[in-house]
Amino acid sequence: MMLGLLLLLQVLSSCLWLGHSEVVPSFASCPQFFYEGTFPNDVLHPDNPAWICQRFSNSYRYATLYDRRRRIPVYSAYIYKPGSGKRPHTWWFVEPQLINKNNLKDMERESVLINQHKFTLDQIKDSQAVLDDYNKMTGLDRGHLSPNGHQDGRESKTATFTLTNIVPQDSNLNAGQWNVYEAKTMAKMSNGCTTTYVITGAVPGNSYVADGRINRPSHIWSAACCVVGTQPKKAWGVIAENNKDKVENLSLGDLEARLSTLYRGRTVTLFNNTCPRK
């Protein structure tokens, strides 16, 4: 009896400790980035996932489902709020909460974690991508899932420059048609929307880069649900193969169907069922 009570107390204390971290088994701390708090279904979940409420300067900026094994995000969810201003800085962040048990809630630079918090580079590399991985890549860019151009304010823009929000994206696609979609098509499609909820993701591919550490996605995709007042009025999606400078414009329903095929026939749903599929 006493042994059972001690085990129960250990489990409870572990759960209480986890409550201090922003990397937890759900987006319960940041549901505001999903329409009606409805998350994509678990078909997209990788084998070793991390749910990250992306936090910078003591505030949540967007949400990311991260694949620890492939060291890429599965998707990032955010509210489209384009604002003025250019890239706010020249550095990149990593996620200390993916490393091991610690109380660092905000994303941080590798150098700060190593020099000030005494982590080793190998400890950081074990659970996520690092700058050296992307510096080794050729023909691939650091492709944002939540782009800084879709955020308003310096701090929200800054928060997009974390490697947990980045995938190896074909350089021509990133600078070409994907950039057209992010900068022009999104602005046109979201015109008149009170709130535009966005989920942008990457389909894991069959190849790896950076000495086999980082998965190269086969496809990059994005979906949006436009709310006017309190009602969703339209939705749309796009998808691109990650080796061609071409973006396909789709309905939300067609994008979900395409993703369902890419995820071996398992039905993918991205948004609350009130967002129009046609």
C-alpha atoms as a PDB file:
ATOM      1  CA  MET A   1       0.000   0.000   0.000  1.00  0.00           C
ATOM      2  CA  MET A   2       2.752   2.425   0.980  1.00  0.00           C
ATOM      3  CA  LEU A   3       4.765   1.531  -2.141  1.00  0.00           C
ATOM      4  CA  GLY A   4       1.749   2.205  -4.353  1.00  0.00           C
ATOM      5  CA  LEU A   5       1.195   5.574  -2.702  1.00  0.00           C
ATOM      6  CA  LEU A   6       4.830   6.537  -3.252  1.00  0.00           C
ATOM      7  CA  LEU A   7       4.600   5.609  -6.934  1.00  0.00           C
ATOM      8  CA  LEU A   8       1.438   7.665  -7.298  1.00  0.00           C
ATOM      9  CA  LEU A   9       3.132  10.659  -5.675  1.00  0.00           C
ATOM     10  CA  GLN A  10       6.083  10.304  -8.061  1.00  0.00           C
ATOM     11  CA  VAL A  11       3.772  10.309 -11.069  1.00  0.00           C
ATOM     12  CA  LEU A  12       1.860  13.319  -9.775  1.00  0.00           C
ATOM     13  CA  SER A  13       5.028  15.252  -9.039  1.00  0.00           C
ATOM     14  CA  SER A  14       6.275  14.522 -12.555  1.00  0.00           C
ATOM     15  CA  CYS A  15       3.031  15.843 -14.024  1.00  0.00           C
ATOM     16  CA  LEU A  16       3.269  18.954 -11.906  1.00  0.00           C
ATOM     17  CA  TRP A  17       6.816  19.570 -13.080  1.00  0.00           C
ATOM     18  CA  LEU A  18       5.756  19.180 -16.704  1.00  0.00           C
ATOM     19  CA  GLY A  19       3.173  21.894 -16.177  1.00  0.00           C
ATOM     20  CA  HIS A  20       6.026  24.418 -16.041  1.00  0.00           C
ATOM     21  CA  SER A  21       7.128  23.576 -19.574  1.00  0.00           C
ATOM     22  CA  GLU A  22       5.645  24.847 -22.826  1.00  0.00           C
ATOM     23  CA  VAL A  23       6.506  21.594 -24.639  1.00  0.00           C
ATOM     24  CA  VAL A  24       3.611  19.409 -23.517  1.00  0.00           C
ATOM     25  CA  PRO A  25       1.401  16.653 -25.010  1.00  0.00           C
ATOM     26  CA  SER A  26      -1.165  19.110 -26.387  1.00  0.00           C
ATOM     27  CA  PHE A  27      -1.733  22.710 -27.429  1.00  0.00           C
ATOM     28  CA  ALA A  28      -3.835  23.372 -24.337  1.00  0.00           C
ATOM     29  CA  SER A  29      -1.724  26.414 -23.483  1.00  0.00           C
ATOM     30  CA  CYS A  30      -2.142  28.044 -26.905  1.00  0.00           C
ATOM     31  CA  PRO A  31      -5.440  26.967 -28.556  1.00  0.00           C
ATOM     32  CA  GLN A  32      -6.025  30.522 -29.812  1.00  0.00           C
ATOM     33  CA  PHE A  33      -4.021  29.799 -32.979  1.00  0.00           C
ATOM     34  CA  PHE A  34      -6.587  27.224 -34.135  1.00  0.00           C
ATOM     35  CA  TYR A  35     -10.130  28.117 -35.204  1.00  0.00           C
ATOM     36  CA  GLU A  36     -12.521  27.113 -32.410  1.00  0.00           C
ATOM     37  CA  GLY A  37      -9.597  25.400 -30.692  1.00  0.00           C
ATOM     38  CA  THR A  38      -9.819  22.512 -33.178  1.00  0.00           C
ATOM     39  CA  PHE A  39      -6.443  20.949 -33.964  1.00  0.00           C
ATOM     40  CA  PRO A  40      -5.479  18.871 -37.016  1.00  0.00           C
ATOM     41  CA  ASN A  41      -6.236  15.218 -36.357  1.00  0.00           C
ATOM     42  CA  ASP A  42      -3.611  12.760 -35.204  1.00  0.00           C
ATOM     43  CA  VAL A  43      -2.897  11.304 -38.651  1.00  0.00           C
ATOM     44  CA  LEU A  44      -0.157  13.942 -38.914  1.00  0.00           C
ATOM     45  CA  HIS A  45       1.426  12.970 -35.596  1.00  0.00           C
ATOM     46  CA  PRO A  46       4.983  11.594 -35.895  1.00  0.00           C
ATOM     47  CA  ASP A  47       6.369   8.783 -33.748  1.00  0.00           C
ATOM     48  CA  ASN A  48       8.167  11.140 -31.373  1.00  0.00           C
ATOM     49  CA  PRO A  49       6.194  14.411 -31.348  1.00  0.00           C
ATOM     50  CA  ALA A  50       6.609  17.613 -29.364  1.00  0.00           C
ATOM     51  CA  TRP A  51       3.774  20.104 -29.075  1.00  0.00           C
ATOM     52  CA  ILE A  52       5.391  23.545 -28.835  1.00  0.00           C
ATOM     53  CA  CYS A  53       3.573  26.718 -27.870  1.00  0.00           C
ATOM     54  CA  GLN A  54       6.186  28.943 -29.493  1.00  0.00           C
ATOM     55  CA  ARG A  55       7.042  31.489 -26.862  1.00  0.00           C
ATOM     56  CA  PHE A  56       9.198  34.595 -27.123  1.00  0.00           C
ATOM     57  CA  SER A  57       9.475  37.566 -24.772  1.00  0.00           C
ATOM     58  CA  ASN A  58       6.978  35.953 -22.367  1.00  0.00           C
ATOM     59  CA  SER A  59       4.164  35.633 -24.916  1.00  0.00           C
ATOM     60  CA  TYR A  60       2.911  32.877 -27.211  1.00  0.00           C
ATOM     61  CA  ARG A  61       3.410  33.771 -30.885  1.00  0.00           C
ATOM     62  CA  TYR A  62       2.212  30.606 -32.726  1.00  0.00           C
ATOM     63  CA  ALA A  63       2.054  26.825 -32.263  1.00  0.00           C
ATOM     64  CA  THR A  64       4.213  24.059 -33.756  1.00  0.00           C
ATOM     65  CA  LEU A  65       3.973  20.278 -33.837  1.00  0.00           C
ATOM     66  CA  TYR A  66       7.589  19.111 -34.025  1.00  0.00           C
ATOM     67  CA  ASP A  67       9.056  15.776 -35.105  1.00  0.00           C
ATOM     68  CA  ARG A  68      12.016  15.093 -32.804  1.00  0.00           C
ATOM     69  CA  ARG A  69      13.252  12.088 -34.801  1.00  0.00           C
ATOM     70  CA  ARG A  70      13.218  13.719 -38.236  1.00  0.00           C
ATOM     71  CA  ARG A  71      14.187  17.092 -36.694  1.00  0.00           C
ATOM     72  CA  ILE A  72      11.624  19.081 -38.673  1.00  0.00           C
ATOM     73  CA  PRO A  73       8.277  20.646 -37.774  1.00  0.00           C
ATOM     74  CA  VAL A  74       5.156  18.815 -38.944  1.00  0.00           C
ATOM     75  CA  TYR A  75       3.210  22.067 -39.059  1.00  0.00           C
ATOM     76  CA  SER A  76       2.975  25.525 -37.525  1.00  0.00           C
ATOM     77  CA  ALA A  77      -0.370  27.219 -36.817  1.00  0.00           C
ATOM     78  CA  TYR A  78      -0.809  30.966 -36.551  1.00  0.00           C
ATOM     79  CA  ILE A  79      -3.132  33.889 -37.180  1.00  0.00           C
ATOM     80  CA  TYR A  80      -2.332  35.861 -40.318  1.00  0.00           C
ATOM     81  CA  LYS A  81      -1.458  39.413 -39.249  1.00  0.00           C
ATOM     82  CA  PRO A  82       0.957  40.866 -41.793  1.00  0.00           C
ATOM     83  CA  GLY A  83       2.753  43.930 -40.522  1.00  0.00           C
ATOM     84  CA  SER A  84       5.352  46.374 -41.683  1.00  0.00           C
ATOM     85  CA  GLY A  85       9.029  45.933 -41.033  1.00  0.00           C
ATOM     86  CA  LYS A  86      11.879  43.818 -42.325  1.00  0.00           C
ATOM     87  CA  ARG A  87      13.707  40.851 -40.827  1.00  0.00           C
ATOM     88  CA  PRO A  88      14.273  41.968 -37.226  1.00  0.00           C
ATOM     89  CA  HIS A  89      17.712  40.417 -36.558  1.00  0.00           C
ATOM     90  CA  THR A  90      20.398  38.102 -37.897  1.00  0.00           C
ATOM     91  CA  TRP A  91      20.346  35.233 -35.390  1.00  0.00           C
ATOM     92  CA  TRP A  92      18.386  31.984 -35.058  1.00  0.00           C
ATOM     93  CA  PHE A  93      16.882  30.237 -32.070  1.00  0.00           C
ATOM     94  CA  VAL A  94      16.520  26.635 -30.892  1.00  0.00           C
ATOM     95  CA  GLU A  95      14.100  25.200 -28.328  1.00  0.00           C
ATOM     96  CA  PRO A  96      15.698  24.519 -24.926  1.00  0.00           C
ATOM     97  CA  GLN A  97      12.685  22.550 -23.720  1.00  0.00           C
ATOM     98  CA  LEU A  98      13.435  19.821 -26.252  1.00  0.00           C
ATOM     99  CA  ILE A  99      16.849  19.205 -24.734  1.00  0.00           C
ATOM    100  CA  ASN A 100      16.074  17.843 -21.273  1.00  0.00           C
ATOM    101  CA  LYS A 101      14.402  18.895 -18.048  1.00  0.00           C
ATOM    102  CA  ASN A 102      14.945  22.603 -17.504  1.00  0.00           C
ATOM    103  CA  ASN A 103      12.957  25.719 -16.673  1.00  0.00           C
ATOM    104  CA  LEU A 104      13.766  27.736 -19.806  1.00  0.00           C
ATOM    105  CA  LYS A 105      10.416  28.504 -21.385  1.00  0.00           C
ATOM    106  CA  ASP A 106      11.439  30.849 -24.208  1.00  0.00           C
ATOM    107  CA  MET A 107      13.286  29.917 -27.391  1.00  0.00           C
ATOM    108  CA  GLU A 108      16.956  30.814 -27.184  1.00  0.00           C
ATOM    109  CA  ARG A 109      20.165  31.070 -29.236  1.00  0.00           C
ATOM    110  CA  GLU A 110      22.567  28.128 -29.274  1.00  0.00           C
ATOM    111  CA  SER A 111      25.429  30.325 -28.044  1.00  0.00           C
ATOM    112  CA  VAL A 112      23.426  31.488 -25.032  1.00  0.00           C
ATOM    113  CA  LEU A 113      22.437  27.935 -24.090  1.00  0.00           C
ATOM    114  CA  ILE A 114      26.062  26.793 -24.335  1.00  0.00           C
ATOM    115  CA  ASN A 115      27.833  29.768 -22.754  1.00  0.00           C
ATOM    116  CA  GLN A 116      25.333  30.844 -20.125  1.00  0.00           C
ATOM    117  CA  HIS A 117      23.310  27.713 -19.348  1.00  0.00           C
ATOM    118  CA  LYS A 118      26.115  25.158 -19.801  1.00  0.00           C
ATOM    119  CA  PHE A 119      24.405  22.883 -22.298  1.00  0.00           C
ATOM    120  CA  THR A 120      26.626  21.132 -24.830  1.00  0.00           C
ATOM    121  CA  LEU A 121      26.080  21.326 -28.571  1.00  0.00           C
ATOM    122  CA  ASP A 122      25.595  17.542 -28.626  1.00  0.00           C
ATOM    123  CA  GLN A 123      22.778  17.870 -26.079  1.00  0.00           C
ATOM    124  CA  ILE A 124      21.028  20.387 -28.321  1.00  0.00           C
ATOM    125  CA  LYS A 125      21.619  18.337 -31.486  1.00  0.00           C
ATOM    126  CA  ASP A 126      20.121  15.204 -29.986  1.00  0.00           C
ATOM    127  CA  SER A 127      16.514  16.440 -30.225  1.00  0.00           C
ATOM    128  CA  GLN A 128      16.484  19.100 -32.941  1.00  0.00           C
ATOM    129  CA  ALA A 129      18.198  20.792 -35.846  1.00  0.00           C
ATOM    130  CA  VAL A 130      21.050  23.222 -35.218  1.00  0.00           C
ATOM    131  CA  LEU A 131      22.590  25.973 -37.329  1.00  0.00           C
ATOM    132  CA  ASP A 132      25.439  23.776 -38.538  1.00  0.00           C
ATOM    133  CA  ASP A 133      22.921  21.378 -40.103  1.00  0.00           C
ATOM    134  CA  TYR A 134      21.504  24.114 -42.344  1.00  0.00           C
ATOM    135  CA  ASN A 135      24.931  25.557 -43.104  1.00  0.00           C
ATOM    136  CA  LYS A 136      25.838  22.204 -44.688  1.00  0.00           C
ATOM    137  CA  MET A 137      22.908  22.224 -47.132  1.00  0.00           C
ATOM    138  CA  THR A 138      23.143  23.185 -50.794  1.00  0.00           C
ATOM    139  CA  GLY A 139      20.152  24.045 -52.969  1.00  0.00           C
ATOM    140  CA  LEU A 140      17.965  24.197 -49.868  1.00  0.00           C
ATOM    141  CA  ASP A 141      16.833  27.184 -47.815  1.00  0.00           C
ATOM    142  CA  ARG A 142      15.630  27.560 -44.256  1.00  0.00           C
ATOM    143  CA  GLY A 143      11.953  27.495 -45.167  1.00  0.00           C
ATOM    144  CA  HIS A 144       9.635  29.104 -42.619  1.00  0.00           C
ATOM    145  CA  LEU A 145       6.307  27.439 -41.899  1.00  0.00           C
ATOM    146  CA  SER A 146       5.135  30.479 -39.924  1.00  0.00           C
ATOM    147  CA  PRO A 147       6.786  33.272 -41.940  1.00  0.00           C
ATOM    148  CA  ASN A 148       7.861  36.549 -40.402  1.00  0.00           C
ATOM    149  CA  GLY A 149       5.998  38.420 -43.151  1.00  0.00           C
ATOM    150  CA  HIS A 150       2.698  37.071 -41.798  1.00  0.00           C
ATOM    151  CA  GLN A 151       3.355  38.459 -38.330  1.00  0.00           C
ATOM    152  CA  ASP A 152       2.840  41.951 -36.958  1.00  0.00           C
ATOM    153  CA  GLY A 153       5.331  43.534 -34.591  1.00  0.00           C
ATOM    154  CA  ARG A 154       9.032  43.041 -34.043  1.00  0.00           C
ATOM    155  CA  GLU A 155       8.729  40.404 -31.321  1.00  0.00           C
ATOM    156  CA  SER A 156       6.259  38.214 -33.237  1.00  0.00           C
ATOM    157  CA  LYS A 157       8.442  38.450 -36.341  1.00  0.00           C
ATOM    158  CA  THR A 158      11.524  37.601 -34.287  1.00  0.00           C
ATOM    159  CA  ALA A 159       9.820  34.490 -32.913  1.00  0.00           C
ATOM    160  CA  THR A 160       9.555  32.941 -36.387  1.00  0.00           C
ATOM    161  CA  PHE A 161      13.341  32.612 -36.601  1.00  0.00           C
ATOM    162  CA  THR A 162      13.586  29.383 -34.650  1.00  0.00           C
ATOM    163  CA  LEU A 163      14.790  26.155 -36.226  1.00  0.00           C
ATOM    164  CA  THR A 164      11.733  24.362 -34.832  1.00  0.00           C
ATOM    165  CA  ASN A 165       9.737  26.416 -37.379  1.00  0.00           C
ATOM    166  CA  ILE A 166      12.056  25.618 -40.300  1.00  0.00           C
ATOM    167  CA  VAL A 167      12.289  22.864 -42.921  1.00  0.00           C
ATOM    168  CA  PRO A 168      14.817  22.304 -45.716  1.00  0.00           C
ATOM    169  CA  GLN A 169      12.947  23.910 -48.610  1.00  0.00           C
ATOM    170  CA  ASP A 170      14.014  23.896 -52.252  1.00  0.00           C
ATOM    171  CA  SER A 171      15.756  27.229 -52.839  1.00  0.00           C
ATOM    172  CA  ASN A 172      13.997  27.944 -56.125  1.00  0.00           C
ATOM    173  CA  LEU A 173      10.590  27.186 -54.607  1.00  0.00           C
ATOM    174  CA  ASN A 174      11.260  29.266 -51.494  1.00  0.00           C
ATOM    175  CA  ALA A 175      12.339  32.303 -53.494  1.00  0.00           C
ATOM    176  CA  GLY A 176       9.877  31.670 -56.318  1.00  0.00           C
ATOM    177  CA  GLN A 177       6.251  30.538 -56.320  1.00  0.00           C
ATOM    178  CA  TRP A 178       6.085  29.861 -52.581  1.00  0.00           C
ATOM    179  CA  ASN A 179       7.171  33.435 -51.967  1.00  0.00           C
ATOM    180  CA  VAL A 180       4.479  34.620 -54.383  1.00  0.00           C
ATOM    181  CA  TYR A 181       1.898  32.698 -52.384  1.00  0.00           C
ATOM    182  CA  GLU A 182       3.089  34.043 -49.035  1.00  0.00           C
ATOM    183  CA  ALA A 183       3.458  37.656 -50.141  1.00  0.00           C
ATOM    184  CA  LYS A 184       0.707  38.151 -52.722  1.00  0.00           C
ATOM    185  CA  THR A 185      -1.840  35.322 -52.854  1.00  0.00           C
ATOM    186  CA  MET A 186      -2.403  35.259 -49.093  1.00  0.00           C
ATOM    187  CA  ALA A 187      -2.993  39.011 -49.018  1.00  0.00           C
ATOM    188  CA  LYS A 188      -5.528  38.734 -51.841  1.00  0.00           C
ATOM    189  CA  MET A 189      -7.325  35.691 -50.440  1.00  0.00           C
ATOM    190  CA  SER A 190      -7.588  37.075 -46.908  1.00  0.00           C
ATOM    191  CA  ASN A 191      -8.944  40.444 -47.989  1.00  0.00           C
ATOM    192  CA  GLY A 192     -12.179  41.094 -46.073  1.00  0.00           C
ATOM    193  CA  CYS A 193     -11.498  38.431 -43.424  1.00  0.00           C
ATOM    194  CA  THR A 194     -11.881  39.444 -39.790  1.00  0.00           C
ATOM    195  CA  THR A 195      -9.461  36.669 -38.796  1.00  0.00           C
ATOM    196  CA  THR A 196      -7.514  34.264 -40.999  1.00  0.00           C
ATOM    197  CA  TYR A 197      -6.324  31.078 -39.295  1.00  0.00           C
ATOM    198  CA  VAL A 198      -3.381  29.408 -41.028  1.00  0.00           C
ATOM    199  CA  ILE A 199      -1.740  25.991 -40.715  1.00  0.00           C
ATOM    200  CA  THR A 200       1.394  25.393 -42.788  1.00  0.00           C
ATOM    201  CA  GLY A 201       3.146  22.063 -42.842  1.00  0.00           C
ATOM    202  CA  ALA A 202       5.592  19.671 -44.447  1.00  0.00           C
ATOM    203  CA  VAL A 203       5.124  16.057 -45.514  1.00  0.00           C
ATOM    204  CA  PRO A 204       8.147  13.972 -44.469  1.00  0.00           C
ATOM    205  CA  GLY A 205      10.192  12.711 -47.392  1.00  0.00           C
ATOM    206  CA  ASN A 206      12.285   9.615 -48.019  1.00  0.00           C
ATOM    207  CA  SER A 207      15.660  11.362 -47.951  1.00  0.00           C
ATOM    208  CA  TYR A 208      17.808  13.088 -45.359  1.00  0.00           C
ATOM    209  CA  VAL A 209      20.344  15.900 -45.542  1.00  0.00           C
ATOM    210  CA  ALA A 210      22.990  17.346 -43.188  1.00  0.00           C
ATOM    211  CA  ASP A 211      24.827  14.032 -42.749  1.00  0.00           C
ATOM    212  CA  GLY A 212      21.534  12.182 -42.448  1.00  0.00           C
ATOM    213  CA  ARG A 213      20.279  14.238 -39.518  1.00  0.00           C
ATOM    214  CA  ILE A 214      17.473  16.291 -41.100  1.00  0.00           C
ATOM    215  CA  ASN A 215      14.559  14.976 -43.139  1.00  0.00           C
ATOM    216  CA  ARG A 216      13.973  16.650 -46.481  1.00  0.00           C
ATOM    217  CA  PRO A 217      10.170  17.007 -46.878  1.00  0.00           C
ATOM    218  CA  SER A 218       8.586  15.727 -50.070  1.00  0.00           C
ATOM    219  CA  HIS A 219       5.902  18.440 -50.033  1.00  0.00           C
ATOM    220  CA  ILE A 220       5.204  21.808 -48.421  1.00  0.00           C
ATOM    221  CA  TRP A 221       1.552  22.767 -47.871  1.00  0.00           C
ATOM    222  CA  SER A 222      -0.569  25.479 -46.315  1.00  0.00           C
ATOM    223  CA  ALA A 223      -4.247  25.858 -45.418  1.00  0.00           C
ATOM    224  CA  ALA A 224      -6.315  28.830 -44.274  1.00  0.00           C
ATOM    225  CA  CYS A 225      -9.784  29.401 -42.845  1.00  0.00           C
ATOM    226  CA  CYS A 226     -11.237  32.898 -43.240  1.00  0.00           C
ATOM    227  CA  VAL A 227     -13.624  34.077 -40.525  1.00  0.00           C
ATOM    228  CA  VAL A 228     -15.846  37.102 -41.120  1.00  0.00           C
ATOM    229  CA  GLY A 229     -17.288  38.335 -37.858  1.00  0.00           C
ATOM    230  CA  THR A 230     -17.654  35.046 -36.032  1.00  0.00           C
ATOM    231  CA  GLN A 231     -18.473  32.797 -39.001  1.00  0.00           C
ATOM    232  CA  PRO A 232     -16.070  30.978 -41.331  1.00  0.00           C
ATOM    233  CA  LYS A 233     -16.864  32.143 -44.864  1.00  0.00           C
ATOM    234  CA  LYS A 234     -14.213  30.535 -47.026  1.00  0.00           C
ATOM    235  CA  ALA A 235     -11.129  28.353 -46.835  1.00  0.00           C
ATOM    236  CA  TRP A 236      -8.349  27.366 -49.190  1.00  0.00           C
ATOM    237  CA  GLY A 237      -5.133  25.435 -49.468  1.00  0.00           C
ATOM    238  CA  VAL A 238      -1.943  25.087 -51.488  1.00  0.00           C
ATOM    239  CA  ILE A 239       0.650  22.358 -51.912  1.00  0.00           C
ATOM    240  CA  ALA A 240       4.034  22.174 -53.629  1.00  0.00           C
ATOM    241  CA  GLU A 241       6.466  19.375 -54.334  1.00  0.00           C
ATOM    242  CA  ASN A 242       9.715  20.246 -52.614  1.00  0.00           C
ATOM    243  CA  ASN A 243      11.826  19.947 -55.743  1.00  0.00           C
ATOM    244  CA  LYS A 244       9.798  22.095 -58.167  1.00  0.00           C
ATOM    245  CA  ASP A 245       9.006  25.795 -58.342  1.00  0.00           C
ATOM    246  CA  LYS A 246       5.258  25.231 -58.640  1.00  0.00           C
ATOM    247  CA  VAL A 247       2.396  25.816 -56.185  1.00  0.00           C
ATOM    248  CA  GLU A 248      -1.024  24.215 -56.693  1.00  0.00           C
ATOM    249  CA  ASN A 249      -4.040  26.204 -55.471  1.00  0.00           C
ATOM    250  CA  LEU A 250      -6.715  23.961 -53.964  1.00  0.00           C
ATOM    251  CA  SER A 251      -9.888  24.003 -51.929  1.00  0.00           C
ATOM    252  CA  LEU A 252      -9.453  23.012 -48.287  1.00  0.00           C
ATOM    253  CA  GLY A 253     -11.242  19.732 -49.006  1.00  0.00           C
ATOM    254  CA  ASP A 254      -8.958  18.934 -51.942  1.00  0.00           C
ATOM    255  CA  LEU A 255      -5.858  19.704 -49.876  1.00  0.00           C
ATOM    256  CA  GLU A 256      -7.045  17.403 -47.087  1.00  0.00           C
ATOM    257  CA  ALA A 257      -7.703  14.687 -49.676  1.00  0.00           C
ATOM    258  CA  ARG A 258      -4.226  15.130 -51.153  1.00  0.00           C
ATOM    259  CA  LEU A 259      -2.636  14.930 -47.713  1.00  0.00           C
ATOM    260  CA  SER A 260      -4.703  11.851 -46.917  1.00  0.00           C
ATOM    261  CA  THR A 261      -3.164  10.152 -49.964  1.00  0.00           C
ATOM    262  CA  LEU A 262       0.350  11.246 -48.985  1.00  0.00           C
ATOM    263  CA  TYR A 263      -0.242   9.914 -45.457  1.00  0.00           C
ATOM    264  CA  ARG A 264      -1.023   6.419 -46.804  1.00  0.00           C
ATOM    265  CA  GLY A 265      -4.761   6.775 -47.172  1.00  0.00           C
ATOM    266  CA  ARG A 266      -5.493   7.861 -43.618  1.00  0.00           C
ATOM    267  CA  THR A 267      -8.035  10.684 -43.537  1.00  0.00           C
ATOM    268  CA  VAL A 268      -6.503  14.063 -42.687  1.00  0.00           C
ATOM    269  CA  THR A 269      -8.570  16.914 -41.260  1.00  0.00           C
ATOM    270  CA  LEU A 270      -6.946  20.281 -40.629  1.00  0.00           C
ATOM    271  CA  PHE A 271      -9.698  22.618 -39.404  1.00  0.00           C
ATOM    272  CA  ASN A 272     -12.961  22.678 -37.522  1.00  0.00           C
ATOM    273  CA  ASN A 273     -15.712  21.167 -39.689  1.00  0.00           C
ATOM    274  CA  THR A 274     -17.459  24.536 -40.102  1.00  0.00           C
ATOM    275  CA  CYS A 275     -14.627  25.792 -42.335  1.00  0.00           C
ATOM    276  CA  PRO A 276     -15.838  25.308 -45.954  1.00  0.00           C
ATOM    277  CA  ARG A 277     -14.247  22.357 -47.749  1.00  0.00           C
ATOM    278  CA  LYS A 278     -15.307  23.291 -51.301  1.00  0.00           C
END
